[in-house]
Amino acid sequence: MSVNFAIPVGIVIITFISVLLYRFSKNTSNKLMKYIPSIVSALSIALVYLKMSFISQGYEAITDIVVIIFLSFALGVSLLVAVVIDIMNRRKRISLK
């Protein structure tokens, strides 16, 4: 798979998933909103891993591993931020009671 083809396809897929999750969480609750980057990062890691396992040939797997490392870092940071926001909101609710 060519990088010139994979990057736009990946951007379109990630945008579609983000918009879908935004629409879903907008109607139900705002609690899901802060987890959208984490969900998208986890799905992206899964897609890159599947690409690495079944499609990549030669040295392409090395670049896939680097992409997985970057996405894992983004996943960790976005989860950490979401948890910190949850803790801050919980403290606000407790102090208001």
N, C-alpha and C. Protein backbone atom coordinates (compact mmCIF):
# COMPACT_ATOMS: atom_id res chain seq x y z
N MET A 1 0.85 -1.18 0.00
CA MET A 1 0.00 0.00 0.00
C MET A 1 0.89 1.23 0.00
N SER A 2 0.62 2.11 -0.89
CA SER A 2 1.41 3.33 -1.03
C SER A 2 1.07 4.32 0.08
N VAL A 3 2.08 5.04 0.55
CA VAL A 3 1.86 6.05 1.58
C VAL A 3 0.99 7.18 1.03
N ASN A 4 1.16 7.48 -0.24
CA ASN A 4 0.35 8.53 -0.86
C ASN A 4 -1.13 8.18 -0.88
N PHE A 5 -1.44 6.91 -0.82
CA PHE A 5 -2.83 6.46 -0.78
C PHE A 5 -3.29 6.22 0.65
N ALA A 6 -2.40 5.71 1.49
CA ALA A 6 -2.77 5.32 2.85
C ALA A 6 -3.07 6.52 3.75
N ILE A 7 -2.32 7.59 3.64
CA ILE A 7 -2.51 8.74 4.51
C ILE A 7 -3.87 9.41 4.27
N PRO A 8 -4.25 9.72 3.03
CA PRO A 8 -5.59 10.31 2.85
C PRO A 8 -6.72 9.37 3.27
N VAL A 9 -6.57 8.09 2.99
CA VAL A 9 -7.59 7.13 3.40
C VAL A 9 -7.68 7.08 4.93
N GLY A 10 -6.55 7.09 5.60
CA GLY A 10 -6.54 7.10 7.06
C GLY A 10 -7.18 8.35 7.63
N ILE A 11 -6.89 9.49 7.03
CA ILE A 11 -7.48 10.75 7.49
C ILE A 11 -8.99 10.74 7.31
N VAL A 12 -9.46 10.22 6.18
CA VAL A 12 -10.90 10.15 5.94
C VAL A 12 -11.57 9.21 6.95
N ILE A 13 -10.96 8.06 7.21
CA ILE A 13 -11.53 7.11 8.17
C ILE A 13 -11.56 7.70 9.57
N ILE A 14 -10.48 8.33 9.99
CA ILE A 14 -10.42 8.92 11.33
C ILE A 14 -11.43 10.07 11.44
N THR A 15 -11.57 10.88 10.40
CA THR A 15 -12.55 11.96 10.42
C THR A 15 -13.96 11.42 10.51
N PHE A 16 -14.25 10.38 9.74
CA PHE A 16 -15.58 9.77 9.77
C PHE A 16 -15.90 9.22 11.16
N ILE A 17 -14.95 8.53 11.76
CA ILE A 17 -15.18 7.97 13.10
C ILE A 17 -15.35 9.08 14.12
N SER A 18 -14.57 10.14 14.02
CA SER A 18 -14.68 11.27 14.96
C SER A 18 -16.04 11.94 14.84
N VAL A 19 -16.49 12.17 13.62
CA VAL A 19 -17.79 12.81 13.41
C VAL A 19 -18.91 11.90 13.91
N LEU A 20 -18.81 10.62 13.64
CA LEU A 20 -19.81 9.66 14.10
C LEU A 20 -19.88 9.63 15.63
N LEU A 21 -18.74 9.58 16.28
CA LEU A 21 -18.72 9.59 17.74
C LEU A 21 -19.22 10.92 18.30
N TYR A 22 -18.89 12.01 17.63
CA TYR A 22 -19.37 13.32 18.07
C TYR A 22 -20.89 13.40 18.00
N ARG A 23 -21.45 12.94 16.90
CA ARG A 23 -22.91 12.96 16.75
C ARG A 23 -23.58 12.07 17.79
N PHE A 24 -23.02 10.89 18.01
CA PHE A 24 -23.58 9.95 18.99
C PHE A 24 -23.50 10.51 20.40
N SER A 25 -22.36 11.05 20.75
CA SER A 25 -22.19 11.55 22.12
C SER A 25 -22.93 12.86 22.35
N LYS A 26 -23.17 13.62 21.30
CA LYS A 26 -23.88 14.88 21.43
C LYS A 26 -25.32 14.63 21.88
N ASN A 27 -25.91 13.57 21.38
CA ASN A 27 -27.30 13.26 21.73
C ASN A 27 -27.41 12.58 23.08
N THR A 28 -26.43 11.80 23.47
CA THR A 28 -26.54 11.04 24.70
C THR A 28 -25.92 11.75 25.89
N SER A 29 -24.68 12.14 25.78
CA SER A 29 -24.01 12.72 26.93
C SER A 29 -22.70 13.36 26.49
N ASN A 30 -22.23 14.28 27.30
CA ASN A 30 -20.94 14.90 27.02
C ASN A 30 -19.79 14.11 27.62
N LYS A 31 -20.10 13.06 28.35
CA LYS A 31 -19.05 12.28 28.99
C LYS A 31 -18.17 11.55 27.97
N LEU A 32 -18.74 11.18 26.84
CA LEU A 32 -17.99 10.44 25.83
C LEU A 32 -17.08 11.34 25.01
N MET A 33 -17.37 12.64 24.98
CA MET A 33 -16.62 13.57 24.14
C MET A 33 -15.13 13.56 24.41
N LYS A 34 -14.74 13.51 25.68
CA LYS A 34 -13.33 13.61 26.00
C LYS A 34 -12.57 12.32 25.68
N TYR A 35 -13.28 11.24 25.40
CA TYR A 35 -12.63 9.98 25.08
C TYR A 35 -12.52 9.72 23.58
N ILE A 36 -13.01 10.63 22.75
CA ILE A 36 -12.94 10.44 21.30
C ILE A 36 -11.50 10.31 20.80
N PRO A 37 -10.56 11.16 21.23
CA PRO A 37 -9.18 10.96 20.76
C PRO A 37 -8.60 9.60 21.16
N SER A 38 -8.94 9.13 22.33
CA SER A 38 -8.44 7.83 22.78
C SER A 38 -9.03 6.70 21.94
N ILE A 39 -10.32 6.79 21.66
CA ILE A 39 -10.97 5.76 20.86
C ILE A 39 -10.40 5.74 19.45
N VAL A 40 -10.23 6.91 18.87
CA VAL A 40 -9.68 6.99 17.50
C VAL A 40 -8.24 6.49 17.48
N SER A 41 -7.45 6.83 18.50
CA SER A 41 -6.07 6.35 18.56
C SER A 41 -6.02 4.83 18.67
N ALA A 42 -6.88 4.26 19.51
CA ALA A 42 -6.91 2.81 19.67
C ALA A 42 -7.33 2.11 18.37
N LEU A 43 -8.33 2.66 17.69
CA LEU A 43 -8.75 2.08 16.41
C LEU A 43 -7.65 2.22 15.36
N SER A 44 -6.95 3.33 15.38
CA SER A 44 -5.85 3.53 14.42
C SER A 44 -4.72 2.54 14.68
N ILE A 45 -4.42 2.31 15.96
CA ILE A 45 -3.39 1.31 16.29
C ILE A 45 -3.79 -0.06 15.77
N ALA A 46 -5.07 -0.40 15.96
CA ALA A 46 -5.54 -1.70 15.49
C ALA A 46 -5.45 -1.81 13.97
N LEU A 47 -5.82 -0.74 13.26
CA LEU A 47 -5.75 -0.77 11.80
C LEU A 47 -4.31 -0.86 11.29
N VAL A 48 -3.41 -0.11 11.90
CA VAL A 48 -2.00 -0.16 11.48
C VAL A 48 -1.41 -1.54 11.79
N TYR A 49 -1.80 -2.12 12.93
CA TYR A 49 -1.30 -3.46 13.27
C TYR A 49 -1.80 -4.50 12.26
N LEU A 50 -3.08 -4.40 11.88
CA LEU A 50 -3.61 -5.33 10.87
C LEU A 50 -2.92 -5.13 9.53
N LYS A 51 -2.66 -3.88 9.17
CA LYS A 51 -1.93 -3.60 7.93
C LYS A 51 -0.53 -4.20 7.99
N MET A 52 0.12 -4.03 9.15
CA MET A 52 1.47 -4.55 9.32
C MET A 52 1.47 -6.08 9.22
N SER A 53 0.47 -6.71 9.79
CA SER A 53 0.43 -8.17 9.82
C SER A 53 0.11 -8.79 8.47
N PHE A 54 -0.79 -8.17 7.71
CA PHE A 54 -1.28 -8.82 6.50
C PHE A 54 -0.87 -8.18 5.19
N ILE A 55 -0.58 -6.89 5.17
CA ILE A 55 -0.35 -6.21 3.90
C ILE A 55 1.10 -5.81 3.69
N SER A 56 1.78 -5.38 4.75
CA SER A 56 3.13 -4.85 4.60
C SER A 56 4.11 -5.90 4.10
N GLN A 57 5.01 -5.42 3.25
CA GLN A 57 6.05 -6.29 2.71
C GLN A 57 7.40 -5.62 2.89
N GLY A 58 8.40 -6.42 3.12
CA GLY A 58 9.75 -5.89 3.24
C GLY A 58 9.93 -5.02 4.47
N TYR A 59 10.46 -3.83 4.22
CA TYR A 59 10.77 -2.92 5.32
C TYR A 59 9.60 -2.02 5.72
N GLU A 60 8.44 -2.19 5.11
CA GLU A 60 7.28 -1.38 5.48
C GLU A 60 6.87 -1.63 6.92
N ALA A 61 7.12 -2.82 7.42
CA ALA A 61 6.74 -3.14 8.80
C ALA A 61 7.47 -2.25 9.81
N ILE A 62 8.67 -1.84 9.46
CA ILE A 62 9.42 -0.96 10.37
C ILE A 62 8.72 0.38 10.52
N THR A 63 8.26 0.95 9.42
CA THR A 63 7.54 2.21 9.51
C THR A 63 6.21 2.03 10.23
N ASP A 64 5.58 0.88 10.05
CA ASP A 64 4.34 0.61 10.77
C ASP A 64 4.58 0.55 12.28
N ILE A 65 5.69 -0.03 12.68
CA ILE A 65 6.02 -0.10 14.11
C ILE A 65 6.24 1.31 14.67
N VAL A 66 6.90 2.17 13.90
CA VAL A 66 7.13 3.55 14.34
C VAL A 66 5.79 4.28 14.47
N VAL A 67 4.90 4.08 13.52
CA VAL A 67 3.57 4.70 13.58
C VAL A 67 2.80 4.20 14.80
N ILE A 68 2.88 2.91 15.09
CA ILE A 68 2.22 2.34 16.27
C ILE A 68 2.78 2.96 17.54
N ILE A 69 4.07 3.18 17.59
CA ILE A 69 4.68 3.80 18.78
C ILE A 69 4.15 5.22 18.96
N PHE A 70 4.09 6.01 17.88
CA PHE A 70 3.56 7.37 17.98
C PHE A 70 2.08 7.37 18.39
N LEU A 71 1.30 6.46 17.80
CA LEU A 71 -0.11 6.38 18.15
C LEU A 71 -0.30 5.92 19.59
N SER A 72 0.58 5.05 20.07
CA SER A 72 0.49 4.61 21.47
C SER A 72 0.78 5.77 22.41
N PHE A 73 1.73 6.59 22.06
CA PHE A 73 2.02 7.78 22.86
C PHE A 73 0.82 8.72 22.88
N ALA A 74 0.21 8.93 21.72
CA ALA A 74 -0.99 9.79 21.64
C ALA A 74 -2.14 9.19 22.43
N LEU A 75 -2.29 7.87 22.39
CA LEU A 75 -3.32 7.20 23.16
C LEU A 75 -3.11 7.40 24.65
N GLY A 76 -1.89 7.24 25.11
CA GLY A 76 -1.59 7.42 26.52
C GLY A 76 -1.84 8.84 27.00
N VAL A 77 -1.41 9.81 26.21
CA VAL A 77 -1.62 11.21 26.58
C VAL A 77 -3.10 11.56 26.60
N SER A 78 -3.84 11.11 25.59
CA SER A 78 -5.26 11.45 25.53
C SER A 78 -6.05 10.77 26.65
N LEU A 79 -5.68 9.55 27.02
CA LEU A 79 -6.33 8.91 28.16
C LEU A 79 -6.00 9.63 29.46
N LEU A 80 -4.76 10.04 29.61
CA LEU A 80 -4.35 10.76 30.81
C LEU A 80 -5.12 12.08 30.94
N VAL A 81 -5.25 12.80 29.85
CA VAL A 81 -5.98 14.06 29.87
C VAL A 81 -7.46 13.83 30.19
N ALA A 82 -8.06 12.80 29.60
CA ALA A 82 -9.47 12.50 29.87
C ALA A 82 -9.70 12.15 31.34
N VAL A 83 -8.80 11.37 31.92
CA VAL A 83 -8.93 11.01 33.33
C VAL A 83 -8.75 12.23 34.22
N VAL A 84 -7.81 13.10 33.90
CA VAL A 84 -7.61 14.32 34.69
C VAL A 84 -8.85 15.20 34.61
N ILE A 85 -9.45 15.32 33.43
CA ILE A 85 -10.68 16.11 33.29
C ILE A 85 -11.80 15.49 34.13
N ASP A 86 -11.92 14.16 34.12
CA ASP A 86 -12.93 13.49 34.95
C ASP A 86 -12.71 13.78 36.43
N ILE A 87 -11.48 13.71 36.87
CA ILE A 87 -11.17 13.98 38.28
C ILE A 87 -11.50 15.42 38.64
N MET A 88 -11.15 16.36 37.78
CA MET A 88 -11.44 17.77 38.05
C MET A 88 -12.95 18.01 38.09
N ASN A 89 -13.70 17.40 37.18
CA ASN A 89 -15.15 17.57 37.18
C ASN A 89 -15.78 16.94 38.42
N ARG A 90 -15.28 15.81 38.85
CA ARG A 90 -15.80 15.15 40.05
C ARG A 90 -15.55 16.02 41.28
N ARG A 91 -14.38 16.63 41.37
CA ARG A 91 -14.09 17.51 42.50
C ARG A 91 -15.00 18.73 42.50
N LYS A 92 -15.30 19.26 41.31
CA LYS A 92 -16.22 20.40 41.21
C LYS A 92 -17.62 20.01 41.70
N ARG A 93 -18.09 18.84 41.27
CA ARG A 93 -19.42 18.40 41.69
C ARG A 93 -19.49 18.14 43.18
N ILE A 94 -18.44 17.58 43.75
CA ILE A 94 -18.42 17.32 45.18
C ILE A 94 -18.39 18.62 45.96
N SER A 95 -17.63 19.61 45.49
CA SER A 95 -17.54 20.87 46.22
C SER A 95 -18.83 21.70 46.11
N LEU A 96 -19.60 21.49 45.05
CA LEU A 96 -20.86 22.22 44.88
C LEU A 96 -21.97 21.66 45.76
N LYS A 97 -21.86 20.42 46.20
CA LYS A 97 -22.93 19.81 47.01
C LYS A 97 -22.90 20.27 48.40
